[in-house]
N, C-alpha and C. Protein backbone atom coordinates (compact mmCIF):
# COMPACT_ATOMS: atom_id res chain seq x y z
N UNK A 1 -28.65 7.90 -50.41
CA UNK A 1 -28.49 8.56 -49.10
C UNK A 1 -27.26 8.04 -48.44
N UNK A 2 -26.47 8.93 -48.03
CA UNK A 2 -25.19 8.67 -47.50
C UNK A 2 -25.38 8.51 -45.96
N UNK A 3 -24.84 7.36 -45.03
CA UNK A 3 -24.97 7.21 -43.82
C UNK A 3 -23.55 7.08 -43.05
N UNK A 4 -22.72 7.65 -43.76
CA UNK A 4 -21.25 7.62 -43.04
C UNK A 4 -21.30 8.63 -41.91
N UNK A 5 -20.41 8.52 -41.02
CA UNK A 5 -20.36 9.49 -39.76
C UNK A 5 -20.08 10.93 -40.13
N UNK A 6 -19.52 11.27 -40.94
CA UNK A 6 -19.26 12.64 -41.46
C UNK A 6 -20.55 13.46 -41.86
N UNK A 7 -21.21 12.56 -42.57
CA UNK A 7 -22.50 13.14 -42.93
C UNK A 7 -23.66 12.93 -41.96
N UNK A 8 -23.60 12.06 -41.17
CA UNK A 8 -24.78 11.80 -40.04
C UNK A 8 -24.57 12.86 -39.12
N UNK A 9 -23.36 13.36 -38.75
CA UNK A 9 -23.29 14.36 -37.65
C UNK A 9 -22.51 15.54 -38.44
N UNK A 10 -23.38 16.74 -38.20
CA UNK A 10 -22.81 18.04 -38.98
C UNK A 10 -21.65 18.35 -38.07
N UNK A 11 -20.64 19.08 -38.62
CA UNK A 11 -19.55 19.51 -37.82
C UNK A 11 -19.86 20.62 -37.05
N UNK A 12 -19.23 20.92 -35.88
CA UNK A 12 -19.47 21.74 -34.94
C UNK A 12 -18.87 23.17 -35.33
N UNK A 13 -19.43 24.30 -35.02
CA UNK A 13 -18.98 25.50 -35.32
C UNK A 13 -17.59 25.80 -34.67
N UNK A 14 -16.61 26.39 -35.20
CA UNK A 14 -15.20 26.75 -34.77
C UNK A 14 -15.33 27.23 -33.47
N UNK A 15 -16.10 28.44 -33.09
CA UNK A 15 -16.15 29.11 -31.89
C UNK A 15 -16.35 28.16 -30.70
N UNK A 16 -17.22 27.20 -30.84
CA UNK A 16 -17.55 26.25 -29.99
C UNK A 16 -16.57 25.32 -29.32
N UNK A 17 -15.79 24.79 -30.40
CA UNK A 17 -14.77 23.87 -30.27
C UNK A 17 -13.45 24.45 -29.48
N UNK A 18 -13.22 25.55 -29.62
CA UNK A 18 -12.16 26.25 -28.81
C UNK A 18 -12.51 27.06 -27.72
N UNK A 19 -13.66 26.84 -27.11
CA UNK A 19 -14.02 27.89 -26.15
C UNK A 19 -13.25 27.51 -24.67
N UNK A 20 -12.85 28.57 -24.00
CA UNK A 20 -12.27 28.17 -22.76
C UNK A 20 -12.98 28.13 -21.60
N UNK A 21 -12.37 27.48 -20.75
CA UNK A 21 -13.42 27.45 -19.43
C UNK A 21 -13.36 28.64 -18.72
N UNK A 22 -14.57 28.93 -17.77
CA UNK A 22 -14.51 30.15 -17.01
C UNK A 22 -13.16 29.97 -16.23
N UNK A 23 -12.74 31.28 -15.69
CA UNK A 23 -11.54 31.48 -15.05
C UNK A 23 -11.51 30.92 -13.64
N UNK A 24 -12.56 30.88 -12.73
CA UNK A 24 -12.51 30.16 -11.58
C UNK A 24 -12.55 28.88 -11.66
N UNK A 25 -13.44 28.14 -12.49
CA UNK A 25 -13.54 26.72 -12.68
C UNK A 25 -12.15 26.17 -13.31
N UNK A 26 -11.53 26.92 -14.13
CA UNK A 26 -10.12 26.76 -14.52
C UNK A 26 -9.29 26.65 -13.48
N UNK A 27 -9.21 27.51 -12.51
CA UNK A 27 -8.19 27.51 -11.41
C UNK A 27 -8.55 26.31 -10.50
N UNK A 28 -9.77 26.17 -10.19
CA UNK A 28 -10.31 24.95 -9.36
C UNK A 28 -9.76 23.73 -9.85
N UNK A 29 -9.92 23.52 -11.11
CA UNK A 29 -9.47 22.05 -11.94
C UNK A 29 -7.95 22.11 -11.69
N UNK A 30 -7.31 23.14 -11.75
CA UNK A 30 -5.74 23.01 -11.88
C UNK A 30 -5.33 22.65 -10.52
N UNK A 31 -5.98 23.16 -9.32
CA UNK A 31 -5.81 23.03 -8.05
C UNK A 31 -6.06 21.48 -7.67
N UNK A 32 -7.33 21.20 -8.15
CA UNK A 32 -7.56 19.63 -7.87
C UNK A 32 -6.64 18.83 -8.41
N UNK A 33 -6.26 18.92 -9.55
CA UNK A 33 -5.20 18.25 -10.41
C UNK A 33 -3.91 18.14 -9.68
N UNK A 34 -3.28 19.29 -9.00
CA UNK A 34 -2.20 19.39 -8.37
C UNK A 34 -2.27 18.50 -6.93
N UNK A 35 -3.35 18.73 -6.31
CA UNK A 35 -3.46 17.94 -5.21
C UNK A 35 -3.57 16.40 -5.42
N UNK A 36 -4.25 15.98 -6.63
CA UNK A 36 -4.30 14.55 -6.89
C UNK A 36 -2.97 13.99 -7.22
N UNK A 37 -1.97 14.86 -8.02
CA UNK A 37 -0.61 14.51 -8.14
C UNK A 37 0.15 14.63 -7.09
N UNK A 38 0.08 15.37 -6.18
CA UNK A 38 0.79 15.35 -4.86
C UNK A 38 0.36 13.99 -4.01
N UNK A 39 -0.94 13.67 -4.16
CA UNK A 39 -1.30 12.45 -3.17
C UNK A 39 -0.70 11.07 -3.95
N UNK A 40 -0.79 11.18 -5.33
CA UNK A 40 -0.10 9.84 -5.92
C UNK A 40 1.33 9.77 -5.67
N UNK A 41 2.14 11.00 -5.67
CA UNK A 41 3.63 10.93 -5.61
C UNK A 41 4.07 10.69 -4.21
N UNK A 42 3.34 10.86 -3.10
CA UNK A 42 3.87 10.75 -1.89
C UNK A 42 3.79 9.21 -1.54
N UNK A 43 4.92 8.78 -0.84
CA UNK A 43 5.24 7.52 -0.43
C UNK A 43 4.23 6.97 0.54
N UNK A 44 3.73 5.75 0.31
CA UNK A 44 2.67 5.47 1.28
C UNK A 44 3.24 4.48 2.43
N UNK A 45 4.08 3.59 1.96
CA UNK A 45 4.71 2.94 3.12
C UNK A 45 5.99 2.40 2.61
N UNK A 46 7.23 2.33 3.59
CA UNK A 46 8.34 1.89 3.28
C UNK A 46 8.45 0.61 3.40
N UNK A 47 8.02 -0.32 2.35
CA UNK A 47 7.82 -1.68 2.37
C UNK A 47 9.27 -2.66 2.65
N UNK A 48 10.10 -1.98 2.01
CA UNK A 48 11.37 -2.60 2.21
C UNK A 48 12.17 -2.59 3.71
N UNK A 49 11.93 -1.45 4.43
CA UNK A 49 12.22 -1.33 5.67
C UNK A 49 11.52 -2.12 6.66
N UNK A 50 10.05 -2.38 6.45
CA UNK A 50 9.43 -3.24 7.06
C UNK A 50 9.54 -4.63 6.82
N UNK A 51 9.94 -4.97 5.79
CA UNK A 51 10.51 -6.39 5.34
C UNK A 51 11.70 -6.77 6.19
N UNK A 52 12.64 -5.93 6.14
CA UNK A 52 13.85 -6.11 6.88
C UNK A 52 13.73 -6.18 8.34
N UNK A 53 12.67 -5.57 8.71
CA UNK A 53 12.68 -5.42 10.22
C UNK A 53 12.08 -6.81 10.70
N UNK A 54 11.06 -7.38 9.61
CA UNK A 54 10.40 -8.66 10.10
C UNK A 54 11.43 -9.81 9.77
N UNK A 55 12.50 -9.94 9.06
CA UNK A 55 13.46 -10.77 8.96
C UNK A 55 14.40 -10.90 9.92
N UNK A 56 14.18 -11.52 11.02
CA UNK A 56 15.13 -11.36 12.20
C UNK A 56 15.99 -12.67 12.33
N UNK A 57 15.58 -13.86 11.83
CA UNK A 57 16.14 -15.04 12.04
C UNK A 57 16.99 -15.37 10.83
N UNK A 58 18.48 -15.85 11.20
CA UNK A 58 19.28 -16.13 9.92
C UNK A 58 19.55 -17.52 10.02
N UNK A 59 19.42 -18.43 8.84
CA UNK A 59 19.85 -19.75 8.77
C UNK A 59 21.27 -19.74 9.06
N UNK A 60 21.90 -20.90 9.93
CA UNK A 60 23.01 -20.96 10.26
C UNK A 60 24.01 -21.49 9.14
N UNK A 61 23.28 -22.26 8.20
CA UNK A 61 23.93 -23.01 7.04
C UNK A 61 24.08 -22.13 5.70
N UNK A 62 22.74 -21.37 5.30
CA UNK A 62 23.13 -20.85 4.01
C UNK A 62 22.86 -19.26 4.26
N UNK A 63 22.69 -18.81 5.56
CA UNK A 63 22.46 -17.25 5.81
C UNK A 63 21.41 -16.60 5.24
N UNK A 64 20.31 -17.47 4.98
CA UNK A 64 19.16 -17.05 4.53
C UNK A 64 18.36 -16.12 5.61
N UNK A 65 17.64 -15.10 5.33
CA UNK A 65 16.96 -14.50 6.63
C UNK A 65 15.54 -14.98 6.44
N UNK A 66 14.92 -15.48 7.74
CA UNK A 66 13.59 -15.94 7.60
C UNK A 66 12.82 -15.09 8.74
N UNK A 67 11.43 -15.25 8.85
CA UNK A 67 10.63 -14.32 9.75
C UNK A 67 10.40 -14.83 10.99
N UNK A 68 10.31 -16.22 11.11
CA UNK A 68 9.97 -17.04 12.56
C UNK A 68 10.56 -18.24 12.72
N UNK A 69 10.28 -18.73 13.74
CA UNK A 69 11.04 -20.22 13.86
C UNK A 69 10.22 -21.23 13.19
N UNK A 70 9.10 -21.23 13.06
CA UNK A 70 8.29 -22.16 12.16
C UNK A 70 8.73 -22.10 10.89
N UNK A 71 8.86 -21.08 10.22
CA UNK A 71 9.31 -20.91 8.77
C UNK A 71 10.93 -21.57 8.81
N UNK A 72 11.54 -21.06 9.87
CA UNK A 72 13.08 -21.56 10.03
C UNK A 72 13.05 -23.13 10.02
N UNK A 73 12.28 -23.74 10.73
CA UNK A 73 12.45 -25.28 10.58
C UNK A 73 11.90 -25.86 9.59
N UNK A 74 10.93 -25.33 8.74
CA UNK A 74 10.55 -25.79 7.54
C UNK A 74 11.76 -25.64 6.57
N UNK A 75 12.25 -24.46 6.50
CA UNK A 75 13.29 -24.32 5.55
C UNK A 75 14.43 -25.18 5.68
N UNK A 76 14.82 -25.49 7.14
CA UNK A 76 15.92 -26.32 7.32
C UNK A 76 15.66 -27.69 7.10
N UNK A 77 14.51 -28.09 7.16
CA UNK A 77 13.99 -29.66 6.90
C UNK A 77 14.09 -29.76 5.38
N UNK A 78 13.72 -28.62 4.57
CA UNK A 78 13.39 -28.78 3.12
C UNK A 78 14.95 -28.47 2.41
N UNK A 79 15.69 -27.67 2.96
CA UNK A 79 16.85 -27.17 2.17
C UNK A 79 18.22 -27.81 2.91
N UNK A 80 18.18 -28.12 4.05
CA UNK A 80 19.51 -28.78 4.60
C UNK A 80 19.13 -30.11 5.32
N UNK A 81 18.68 -31.32 4.67
CA UNK A 81 18.37 -32.33 5.43
C UNK A 81 19.29 -33.13 5.93
N UNK A 82 20.44 -32.92 5.55
CA UNK A 82 21.68 -34.01 5.93
C UNK A 82 22.46 -33.10 6.93
N UNK A 83 22.36 -31.74 7.20
CA UNK A 83 23.00 -30.87 8.20
C UNK A 83 22.54 -31.24 9.54
N UNK A 84 23.46 -31.24 10.70
CA UNK A 84 22.69 -31.21 11.98
C UNK A 84 21.96 -30.16 12.40
N UNK A 85 20.86 -30.60 13.13
CA UNK A 85 19.52 -29.66 13.44
C UNK A 85 20.23 -28.69 14.28
N UNK A 86 20.46 -27.33 14.20
CA UNK A 86 20.78 -26.34 15.28
C UNK A 86 19.95 -26.40 16.68
N UNK A 87 20.64 -26.20 17.70
CA UNK A 87 19.94 -26.31 18.88
C UNK A 87 18.75 -25.56 19.23
N UNK A 88 18.47 -24.25 18.50
CA UNK A 88 17.34 -23.51 18.62
C UNK A 88 16.07 -24.22 17.99
N UNK A 89 16.39 -25.00 17.05
CA UNK A 89 15.21 -25.74 16.40
C UNK A 89 14.87 -27.18 17.32
N UNK A 90 15.79 -27.67 17.88
CA UNK A 90 15.66 -28.98 18.59
C UNK A 90 14.48 -28.98 19.65
């Protein structure tokens, strides 16, 4: 007795394997796929512009862009310990 896959499952008739979907269902499926592709390709957010808008403070020594004064102070203490502290951080 053979127990391989080809013997266990009989082959399907050719007319059932190549059957087309109904016309209305086929059109609805195409429309659904078209909408899905349009939603995926649409840009959600402009992250680069938002990040540039957020970076408003510029380090006086290395010209690095920073988001707020607290981050600027930490940056200055870590990266430029020998440089004189700018007046806006004092």
